[in-house]
């Protein structure tokens, strides 16, 4: 039986979703990427191909707040910070792109924190 390449399976799922999930200037795309140690989120205008706002666990402003937190708690902090930065640029409505990941754990924590921070999706 062939070994399943989890990364390729995620990328296939992600490309399937990307056929339908497109960020436009009125409603940019909130994209999530997670690695084993870090989580990254960015708000993207796909029309121009530009990242409007981003936050991650490697961001120096966020990194200071993460000492001693679990990865799920870190994702919450990243979601809050992303929402703050998006609202400061007058971005309120986004379309959520979970990047082929299951809507569970860190991805869900980031999304819930972004919603609590004031983003609508």
N, C-alpha and C. Protein backbone atom coordinates (compact mmCIF):
# COMPACT_ATOMS: atom_id res chain seq x y z
N UNK A 1 0.84 -1.18 0.00
CA UNK A 1 0.00 0.00 0.00
C UNK A 1 0.89 1.25 0.00
N UNK A 2 0.65 2.22 -0.90
CA UNK A 2 1.53 3.39 -0.96
C UNK A 2 1.36 4.29 0.26
N UNK A 3 2.47 4.89 0.63
CA UNK A 3 2.45 5.80 1.77
C UNK A 3 1.74 7.10 1.37
N UNK A 4 0.90 7.61 2.25
CA UNK A 4 0.16 8.84 1.97
C UNK A 4 1.06 10.03 2.28
N UNK A 5 1.21 10.90 1.32
CA UNK A 5 1.97 12.12 1.53
C UNK A 5 1.01 13.18 2.06
N UNK A 6 1.06 13.43 3.36
CA UNK A 6 0.09 14.32 4.01
C UNK A 6 0.18 15.74 3.47
N UNK A 7 1.38 16.18 3.17
CA UNK A 7 1.54 17.54 2.65
C UNK A 7 0.88 17.69 1.29
N UNK A 8 1.09 16.70 0.42
CA UNK A 8 0.47 16.77 -0.91
C UNK A 8 -1.05 16.67 -0.82
N UNK A 9 -1.55 15.86 0.11
CA UNK A 9 -3.00 15.74 0.29
C UNK A 9 -3.58 17.08 0.74
N UNK A 10 -2.89 17.77 1.65
CA UNK A 10 -3.35 19.08 2.11
C UNK A 10 -3.35 20.08 0.95
N UNK A 11 -2.30 20.06 0.15
CA UNK A 11 -2.22 20.99 -0.98
C UNK A 11 -3.32 20.71 -2.00
N UNK A 12 -3.67 19.45 -2.20
CA UNK A 12 -4.79 19.11 -3.09
C UNK A 12 -6.10 19.67 -2.54
N UNK A 13 -6.32 19.47 -1.24
CA UNK A 13 -7.54 20.01 -0.61
C UNK A 13 -7.57 21.53 -0.73
N UNK A 14 -6.41 22.15 -0.48
CA UNK A 14 -6.31 23.61 -0.55
C UNK A 14 -6.63 24.12 -1.95
N UNK A 15 -6.11 23.47 -2.97
CA UNK A 15 -6.37 23.93 -4.34
C UNK A 15 -7.83 23.74 -4.71
N UNK A 16 -8.48 22.70 -4.19
CA UNK A 16 -9.92 22.51 -4.44
C UNK A 16 -10.72 23.65 -3.85
N UNK A 17 -10.37 24.05 -2.64
CA UNK A 17 -11.08 25.14 -1.97
C UNK A 17 -10.81 26.47 -2.67
N UNK A 18 -9.59 26.67 -3.14
CA UNK A 18 -9.20 27.94 -3.75
C UNK A 18 -9.93 28.23 -5.06
N UNK A 19 -10.55 27.20 -5.66
CA UNK A 19 -11.37 27.45 -6.85
C UNK A 19 -12.54 28.36 -6.51
N UNK A 20 -13.02 28.29 -5.28
CA UNK A 20 -14.22 29.00 -4.86
C UNK A 20 -13.94 30.16 -3.91
N UNK A 21 -12.89 30.06 -3.12
CA UNK A 21 -12.58 31.08 -2.12
C UNK A 21 -11.59 32.07 -2.71
N UNK A 22 -12.08 33.27 -3.04
CA UNK A 22 -11.24 34.29 -3.66
C UNK A 22 -11.41 35.58 -2.88
N UNK A 23 -10.29 36.23 -2.57
CA UNK A 23 -10.34 37.51 -1.86
C UNK A 23 -10.44 38.65 -2.84
N UNK A 24 -11.45 39.49 -2.65
CA UNK A 24 -11.64 40.69 -3.47
C UNK A 24 -11.44 41.90 -2.57
N UNK A 25 -11.25 43.10 -3.14
CA UNK A 25 -10.99 44.27 -2.29
C UNK A 25 -12.06 44.50 -1.20
N UNK A 26 -13.33 44.22 -1.51
CA UNK A 26 -14.39 44.44 -0.51
C UNK A 26 -14.36 43.38 0.58
N UNK A 27 -13.87 42.19 0.23
CA UNK A 27 -13.85 41.08 1.18
C UNK A 27 -12.60 40.23 0.93
N UNK A 28 -11.44 40.66 1.47
CA UNK A 28 -10.20 39.92 1.22
C UNK A 28 -10.20 38.55 1.91
N UNK A 29 -9.24 37.73 1.52
CA UNK A 29 -9.14 36.35 2.01
C UNK A 29 -8.22 36.29 3.22
N UNK A 30 -8.69 35.66 4.31
CA UNK A 30 -7.87 35.42 5.49
C UNK A 30 -7.30 34.01 5.34
N UNK A 31 -6.01 33.92 5.06
CA UNK A 31 -5.36 32.64 4.82
C UNK A 31 -4.59 32.20 6.07
N UNK A 32 -4.63 30.89 6.35
CA UNK A 32 -3.93 30.33 7.51
C UNK A 32 -2.94 29.28 7.03
N UNK A 33 -1.73 29.33 7.58
CA UNK A 33 -0.74 28.28 7.36
C UNK A 33 -0.19 27.89 8.72
N UNK A 34 -0.09 26.59 8.95
CA UNK A 34 0.50 26.16 10.21
C UNK A 34 1.61 25.16 9.95
N UNK A 35 2.68 25.34 10.70
CA UNK A 35 3.77 24.36 10.67
C UNK A 35 3.73 23.65 12.01
N UNK A 36 4.70 22.80 12.27
CA UNK A 36 4.69 22.08 13.54
C UNK A 36 4.90 23.02 14.72
N UNK A 37 5.67 24.08 14.54
CA UNK A 37 5.98 25.00 15.65
C UNK A 37 5.24 26.32 15.59
N UNK A 38 4.90 26.79 14.40
CA UNK A 38 4.37 28.15 14.26
C UNK A 38 3.04 28.15 13.51
N UNK A 39 2.36 29.30 13.59
CA UNK A 39 1.14 29.51 12.82
C UNK A 39 1.21 30.90 12.22
N UNK A 40 0.77 31.02 10.98
CA UNK A 40 0.86 32.26 10.23
C UNK A 40 -0.53 32.57 9.68
N UNK A 41 -0.92 33.83 9.68
CA UNK A 41 -2.19 34.23 9.10
C UNK A 41 -1.97 35.53 8.34
N UNK A 42 -2.63 35.65 7.20
CA UNK A 42 -2.53 36.89 6.44
C UNK A 42 -3.84 37.17 5.72
N UNK A 43 -4.12 38.46 5.55
CA UNK A 43 -5.29 38.91 4.81
C UNK A 43 -4.80 39.34 3.45
N UNK A 44 -5.36 38.73 2.39
CA UNK A 44 -4.83 38.89 1.04
C UNK A 44 -5.90 39.41 0.09
N UNK A 45 -5.52 40.39 -0.73
CA UNK A 45 -6.36 40.84 -1.84
C UNK A 45 -5.87 40.09 -3.07
N UNK A 46 -6.63 39.09 -3.51
CA UNK A 46 -6.18 38.25 -4.62
C UNK A 46 -6.20 38.99 -5.95
N UNK A 47 -7.01 40.03 -6.07
CA UNK A 47 -7.06 40.80 -7.31
C UNK A 47 -5.72 41.44 -7.62
N UNK A 48 -5.10 42.02 -6.61
CA UNK A 48 -3.78 42.66 -6.78
C UNK A 48 -2.64 41.73 -6.42
N UNK A 49 -2.97 40.61 -5.76
CA UNK A 49 -1.92 39.69 -5.31
C UNK A 49 -1.09 40.29 -4.19
N UNK A 50 -1.74 41.05 -3.31
CA UNK A 50 -1.01 41.73 -2.23
C UNK A 50 -1.48 41.26 -0.87
N UNK A 51 -0.54 41.12 0.05
CA UNK A 51 -0.88 40.87 1.44
C UNK A 51 -1.17 42.20 2.10
N UNK A 52 -2.36 42.34 2.67
CA UNK A 52 -2.76 43.60 3.29
C UNK A 52 -2.34 43.66 4.76
N UNK A 53 -2.51 42.53 5.46
CA UNK A 53 -2.21 42.46 6.89
C UNK A 53 -1.69 41.06 7.18
N UNK A 54 -0.75 40.95 8.11
CA UNK A 54 -0.30 39.61 8.50
C UNK A 54 0.07 39.59 9.98
N UNK A 55 0.04 38.38 10.54
CA UNK A 55 0.48 38.15 11.92
C UNK A 55 0.91 36.70 12.01
N UNK A 56 1.90 36.44 12.84
CA UNK A 56 2.36 35.06 13.03
C UNK A 56 3.08 34.94 14.36
N UNK A 57 3.39 33.71 14.72
CA UNK A 57 4.10 33.48 15.98
C UNK A 57 5.57 33.88 15.89
N UNK A 58 6.09 34.15 14.68
CA UNK A 58 7.47 34.59 14.55
C UNK A 58 7.56 36.11 14.44
N UNK A 59 6.44 36.78 14.45
CA UNK A 59 6.37 38.24 14.41
C UNK A 59 6.92 38.79 15.74
N UNK A 60 7.89 39.70 15.73
CA UNK A 60 8.49 40.17 16.98
C UNK A 60 7.50 40.75 17.98
N UNK A 61 6.46 41.47 17.50
CA UNK A 61 5.47 42.04 18.41
C UNK A 61 4.63 40.96 19.07
N UNK A 62 4.33 39.90 18.34
CA UNK A 62 3.51 38.81 18.87
C UNK A 62 4.36 37.88 19.73
N UNK A 63 5.59 37.64 19.31
CA UNK A 63 6.48 36.68 19.97
C UNK A 63 6.64 37.00 21.46
N UNK A 64 6.65 38.29 21.80
CA UNK A 64 6.82 38.68 23.19
C UNK A 64 5.64 38.24 24.06
N UNK A 65 4.47 38.07 23.47
CA UNK A 65 3.27 37.70 24.22
C UNK A 65 3.09 36.20 24.37
N UNK A 66 3.96 35.40 23.76
CA UNK A 66 3.71 33.96 23.65
C UNK A 66 4.45 33.10 24.67
N UNK A 67 5.25 33.69 25.54
CA UNK A 67 6.07 32.91 26.45
C UNK A 67 5.20 32.02 27.34
N UNK A 68 5.46 30.71 27.30
CA UNK A 68 4.78 29.77 28.19
C UNK A 68 3.37 29.38 27.77
N UNK A 69 2.94 29.75 26.57
CA UNK A 69 1.60 29.39 26.12
C UNK A 69 1.65 28.12 25.26
N UNK A 70 0.53 27.40 25.25
CA UNK A 70 0.43 26.25 24.38
C UNK A 70 0.27 26.74 22.94
N UNK A 71 0.40 25.83 21.96
CA UNK A 71 0.29 26.23 20.56
C UNK A 71 -1.12 26.74 20.23
N UNK A 72 -2.14 26.17 20.86
CA UNK A 72 -3.51 26.63 20.62
C UNK A 72 -3.70 28.03 21.19
N UNK A 73 -3.16 28.30 22.37
CA UNK A 73 -3.24 29.63 22.96
C UNK A 73 -2.46 30.64 22.12
N UNK A 74 -1.32 30.20 21.55
CA UNK A 74 -0.55 31.07 20.67
C UNK A 74 -1.36 31.43 19.43
N UNK A 75 -2.10 30.47 18.89
CA UNK A 75 -2.94 30.72 17.72
C UNK A 75 -4.00 31.76 18.05
N UNK A 76 -4.56 31.70 19.28
CA UNK A 76 -5.54 32.70 19.71
C UNK A 76 -4.93 34.10 19.71
N UNK A 77 -3.72 34.22 20.23
CA UNK A 77 -3.04 35.52 20.28
C UNK A 77 -2.80 36.04 18.86
N UNK A 78 -2.39 35.17 17.95
CA UNK A 78 -2.16 35.57 16.55
C UNK A 78 -3.47 36.04 15.92
N UNK A 79 -4.58 35.34 16.18
CA UNK A 79 -5.88 35.73 15.65
C UNK A 79 -6.31 37.10 16.15
N UNK A 80 -6.13 37.36 17.45
CA UNK A 80 -6.47 38.68 18.01
C UNK A 80 -5.63 39.78 17.38
N UNK A 81 -4.32 39.53 17.26
CA UNK A 81 -3.41 40.53 16.70
C UNK A 81 -3.77 40.81 15.24
N UNK A 82 -4.09 39.76 14.48
CA UNK A 82 -4.47 39.94 13.08
C UNK A 82 -5.74 40.79 12.98
N UNK A 83 -6.72 40.52 13.84
CA UNK A 83 -7.96 41.29 13.83
C UNK A 83 -7.69 42.76 14.14
N UNK A 84 -6.85 43.03 15.13
CA UNK A 84 -6.49 44.42 15.48
C UNK A 84 -5.88 45.13 14.28
N UNK A 85 -4.92 44.46 13.65
CA UNK A 85 -4.23 45.07 12.51
C UNK A 85 -5.17 45.27 11.32
N UNK A 86 -6.08 44.33 11.10
CA UNK A 86 -7.03 44.46 10.00
C UNK A 86 -7.99 45.62 10.25
N UNK A 87 -8.49 45.73 11.48
CA UNK A 87 -9.42 46.81 11.80
C UNK A 87 -8.74 48.17 11.70
N UNK A 88 -7.44 48.22 12.03
CA UNK A 88 -6.72 49.49 11.91
C UNK A 88 -6.60 49.93 10.45
N UNK A 89 -6.67 48.97 9.51
CA UNK A 89 -6.65 49.30 8.07
C UNK A 89 -8.06 49.30 7.49
N UNK A 90 -9.06 49.33 8.37
CA UNK A 90 -10.48 49.41 7.99
C UNK A 90 -10.93 48.18 7.20
N UNK A 91 -10.41 47.02 7.56
CA UNK A 91 -10.86 45.76 6.96
C UNK A 91 -11.72 45.07 8.01
N UNK A 92 -13.01 44.90 7.71
CA UNK A 92 -13.93 44.29 8.67
C UNK A 92 -14.44 42.92 8.22
N UNK A 93 -14.68 42.78 6.91
CA UNK A 93 -15.22 41.53 6.39
C UNK A 93 -14.15 40.80 5.60
N UNK A 94 -14.00 39.51 5.89
CA UNK A 94 -13.04 38.68 5.18
C UNK A 94 -13.71 37.37 4.83
N UNK A 95 -13.10 36.64 3.93
CA UNK A 95 -13.52 35.27 3.63
C UNK A 95 -12.42 34.36 4.17
N UNK A 96 -12.81 33.31 4.91
CA UNK A 96 -11.84 32.48 5.62
C UNK A 96 -11.34 31.35 4.73
N UNK A 97 -10.03 31.22 4.64
CA UNK A 97 -9.38 30.15 3.88
C UNK A 97 -8.55 29.34 4.86
N UNK A 98 -9.03 28.15 5.18
CA UNK A 98 -8.34 27.34 6.19
C UNK A 98 -7.14 26.60 5.64
N UNK A 99 -6.83 26.80 4.37
CA UNK A 99 -5.61 26.27 3.79
C UNK A 99 -5.55 24.76 3.65
N UNK A 100 -6.70 24.10 3.58
CA UNK A 100 -6.70 22.65 3.46
C UNK A 100 -6.60 21.93 4.79
N UNK A 101 -6.49 22.68 5.88
CA UNK A 101 -6.42 22.08 7.21
C UNK A 101 -7.83 21.85 7.72
N UNK A 102 -7.96 20.89 8.64
CA UNK A 102 -9.24 20.64 9.27
C UNK A 102 -9.58 21.83 10.16
N UNK A 103 -10.85 22.24 10.18
CA UNK A 103 -11.28 23.36 11.02
C UNK A 103 -11.39 22.83 12.44
N UNK A 104 -10.24 22.79 13.12
CA UNK A 104 -10.15 22.15 14.42
C UNK A 104 -8.87 22.63 15.08
N UNK A 105 -8.82 22.64 16.38
CA UNK A 105 -7.59 22.95 17.10
C UNK A 105 -7.08 24.35 16.86
N UNK A 106 -5.83 24.45 16.39
CA UNK A 106 -5.19 25.77 16.23
C UNK A 106 -5.87 26.62 15.17
N UNK A 107 -6.33 26.01 14.08
CA UNK A 107 -6.99 26.77 13.02
C UNK A 107 -8.30 27.36 13.54
N UNK A 108 -9.06 26.56 14.28
CA UNK A 108 -10.33 27.02 14.85
C UNK A 108 -10.07 28.10 15.91
N UNK A 109 -9.05 27.93 16.73
CA UNK A 109 -8.73 28.91 17.77
C UNK A 109 -8.38 30.26 17.15
N UNK A 110 -7.59 30.24 16.07
CA UNK A 110 -7.22 31.47 15.38
C UNK A 110 -8.46 32.14 14.79
N UNK A 111 -9.33 31.35 14.16
CA UNK A 111 -10.54 31.90 13.55
C UNK A 111 -11.47 32.50 14.60
N UNK A 112 -11.67 31.80 15.71
CA UNK A 112 -12.55 32.30 16.77
C UNK A 112 -12.00 33.59 17.37
N UNK A 113 -10.69 33.66 17.56
CA UNK A 113 -10.07 34.86 18.13
C UNK A 113 -10.20 36.03 17.16
N UNK A 114 -10.06 35.77 15.87
CA UNK A 114 -10.21 36.84 14.88
C UNK A 114 -11.65 37.36 14.88
N UNK A 115 -12.62 36.45 15.03
CA UNK A 115 -14.02 36.87 15.11
C UNK A 115 -14.25 37.71 16.36
N UNK A 116 -13.71 37.26 17.50
CA UNK A 116 -13.85 38.02 18.74
C UNK A 116 -13.22 39.40 18.61
N UNK A 117 -12.13 39.47 17.84
CA UNK A 117 -11.44 40.74 17.63
C UNK A 117 -12.18 41.70 16.72
N UNK A 118 -13.25 41.24 16.04
CA UNK A 118 -14.05 42.14 15.25
C UNK A 118 -14.15 41.83 13.77
N UNK A 119 -13.47 40.79 13.29
CA UNK A 119 -13.59 40.43 11.88
C UNK A 119 -14.86 39.63 11.64
N UNK A 120 -15.47 39.83 10.50
CA UNK A 120 -16.70 39.10 10.16
C UNK A 120 -16.40 38.11 9.04
N UNK A 121 -16.72 36.84 9.29
CA UNK A 121 -16.66 35.80 8.26
C UNK A 121 -17.48 34.62 8.68
